[in-house]
C-alpha cells in the first residue's frame, strides 16, 4: 500500500496496490494510443497494418523488458522497429541481443547502438 501525505491540511490518502495497477494500466493504454498515432503519422506504410495497436503494444512490452523508462526512449525504439525489419525477428540476432541485454547500459545508448548496428552494420565504440 502506498501512502500520500499532504502536510498543508494533514490529509492522508491511501492508494492500494490494486488502485495503483489500475492507474498504471490506464496510463499505459493512453501511451499506446499515442504511439499508434505516432506510427500512423510517421510511417505511412505501417498505418494499414490490421493489428497496428497489437504491434505497437508488443514493442512497448519488449522495451520494458530491456529496462526502458522514458517516453522518448520508447519512441525511438518504436522508430527503429518500424524502420528496420530485423528488430522484429524472434529471436533477435545475437548482435542485437548483446546490445539490449548488456548490463547497466542506458536505453538512449541502446538505441544509438541499435541504430549503428542496423544502419551501418557495426556497434560499440570506435577506438
Protein backbone atom coordinates (compact mmCIF):
# COMPACT_ATOMS: atom_id res chain seq x y z
CA UNK A 1 0.00 0.00 0.00
CA UNK A 2 1.26 3.46 -0.86
CA UNK A 3 0.65 6.46 1.35
CA UNK A 4 0.49 10.04 0.19
CA UNK A 5 0.67 12.69 2.86
CA UNK A 6 -0.28 16.32 2.38
CA UNK A 7 1.18 18.46 5.16
CA UNK A 8 -0.91 21.55 4.40
CA UNK A 9 -4.17 20.04 5.57
CA UNK A 10 -2.79 16.90 7.24
CA UNK A 11 -4.86 14.65 5.00
CA UNK A 12 -3.57 11.20 4.18
CA UNK A 13 -4.62 9.33 1.08
CA UNK A 14 -4.08 5.60 0.88
CA UNK A 15 -3.62 4.03 -2.53
CA UNK A 16 -3.80 0.27 -2.65
CA UNK A 17 -1.68 -1.82 -4.99
CA UNK A 18 -4.82 -2.62 -6.99
CA UNK A 19 -5.62 1.06 -7.42
CA UNK A 20 -2.05 1.79 -8.45
CA UNK A 21 -2.18 -1.01 -11.03
CA UNK A 22 -5.43 0.41 -12.42
CA UNK A 23 -3.87 3.87 -12.74
CA UNK A 24 -0.75 2.44 -14.40
CA UNK A 25 -2.90 0.38 -16.77
CA UNK A 26 -4.85 3.46 -17.89
CA UNK A 27 -1.60 5.40 -18.39
CA UNK A 28 -0.15 2.53 -20.44
CA UNK A 29 -3.26 2.34 -22.63
CA UNK A 30 -3.10 6.10 -23.23
CA UNK A 31 0.62 5.88 -24.06
CA UNK A 32 0.00 3.05 -26.54
CA UNK A 33 -2.77 5.11 -28.15
CA UNK A 34 -0.30 7.98 -28.57
CA UNK A 35 2.33 5.67 -30.06
CA UNK A 36 -0.20 4.20 -32.50
CA UNK A 37 -0.99 7.72 -33.71
CA UNK A 38 2.73 8.45 -33.91
CA UNK A 39 3.24 5.41 -36.15
CA UNK A 40 0.27 6.34 -38.34
CA UNK A 41 1.63 9.86 -38.80
CA UNK A 42 5.29 8.96 -39.35
CA UNK A 43 5.25 5.55 -41.03
CA UNK A 44 2.52 5.55 -43.68
CA UNK A 45 3.40 2.01 -44.76
CA UNK A 46 2.65 0.74 -41.23
CA UNK A 47 -0.66 2.50 -40.65
CA UNK A 48 -2.53 -0.09 -42.68
CA UNK A 49 -1.36 -3.00 -40.52
CA UNK A 50 -4.50 -4.87 -39.46
CA UNK A 51 -3.28 -5.17 -35.88
CA UNK A 52 -1.27 -1.96 -35.51
CA UNK A 53 -2.23 -1.50 -31.86
CA UNK A 54 -1.09 -5.03 -31.05
CA UNK A 55 2.18 -4.42 -32.95
CA UNK A 56 2.88 -1.20 -31.02
CA UNK A 57 1.86 -2.77 -27.70
CA UNK A 58 4.27 -5.64 -28.32
CA UNK A 59 7.14 -3.23 -28.96
CA UNK A 60 6.34 -1.28 -25.80
CA UNK A 61 6.36 -4.54 -23.81
CA UNK A 62 9.71 -5.50 -25.35
CA UNK A 63 11.13 -2.13 -24.35
CA UNK A 64 10.01 -2.72 -20.76
CA UNK A 65 11.98 -5.99 -20.72
CA UNK A 66 15.06 -4.03 -21.83
CA UNK A 67 14.60 -1.53 -18.96
CA UNK A 68 13.28 1.39 -21.00
CA UNK A 69 11.57 4.05 -18.89
CA UNK A 70 11.40 7.40 -20.71
CA UNK A 71 8.82 8.08 -23.39
CA UNK A 72 11.49 9.46 -25.72
CA UNK A 73 13.45 6.21 -25.47
CA UNK A 74 10.30 4.18 -26.17
CA UNK A 75 9.53 6.38 -29.17
CA UNK A 76 12.98 5.91 -30.69
CA UNK A 77 12.82 2.16 -30.01
CA UNK A 78 9.49 2.14 -31.87
CA UNK A 79 11.07 4.16 -34.70
CA UNK A 80 13.83 1.59 -35.00
CA UNK A 81 11.30 -1.26 -35.15
CA UNK A 82 9.30 0.49 -37.85
CA UNK A 83 12.43 1.28 -39.87
CA UNK A 84 14.44 -1.93 -39.54
CA UNK A 85 12.60 -5.22 -40.01
CA UNK A 86 15.47 -7.12 -38.39
CA UNK A 87 14.33 -5.84 -34.98
CA UNK A 88 11.05 -7.70 -35.44
CA UNK A 89 12.81 -11.07 -35.74
CA UNK A 90 12.14 -13.58 -33.00
CA UNK A 91 14.60 -14.39 -31.65
CA UNK A 92 16.67 -11.29 -32.26
CA UNK A 93 20.04 -11.75 -33.95
CA UNK A 94 22.81 -12.23 -31.35
CA UNK A 95 24.49 -8.86 -32.01
CA UNK A 96 21.21 -7.07 -31.26
CA UNK A 97 20.59 -9.18 -28.16
CA UNK A 98 24.05 -8.21 -26.92
CA UNK A 99 23.20 -4.53 -27.26
CA UNK A 100 19.87 -4.82 -25.47
CA UNK A 101 20.93 -7.12 -22.64
CA UNK A 102 24.30 -5.54 -21.80
CA UNK A 103 24.22 -4.78 -18.06
CA UNK A 104 23.85 -1.15 -16.95
CA UNK A 105 23.53 0.23 -20.49
CA UNK A 106 21.16 3.19 -20.65
CA UNK A 107 18.23 2.95 -23.11
CA UNK A 108 19.45 6.00 -25.06
CA UNK A 109 22.78 4.25 -25.57
CA UNK A 110 20.99 1.04 -26.57
CA UNK A 111 19.01 2.94 -29.20
CA UNK A 112 22.16 4.58 -30.56
CA UNK A 113 23.98 1.24 -30.78
CA UNK A 114 20.95 -0.44 -32.36
CA UNK A 115 20.80 2.27 -35.00
CA UNK A 116 24.52 1.91 -35.77
CA UNK A 117 24.28 -1.88 -35.94
CA UNK A 118 21.23 -1.84 -38.19
CA UNK A 119 22.13 1.11 -40.42
CA UNK A 120 25.89 0.70 -40.73
CA UNK A 121 26.48 -2.90 -39.70
CA UNK A 122 28.58 -2.17 -36.62
CA UNK A 123 28.09 -1.42 -32.98
CA UNK A 124 30.12 -0.45 -29.98
CA UNK A 125 32.59 2.34 -29.59
CA UNK A 126 35.21 3.06 -32.21
CA UNK A 127 38.74 3.04 -30.89
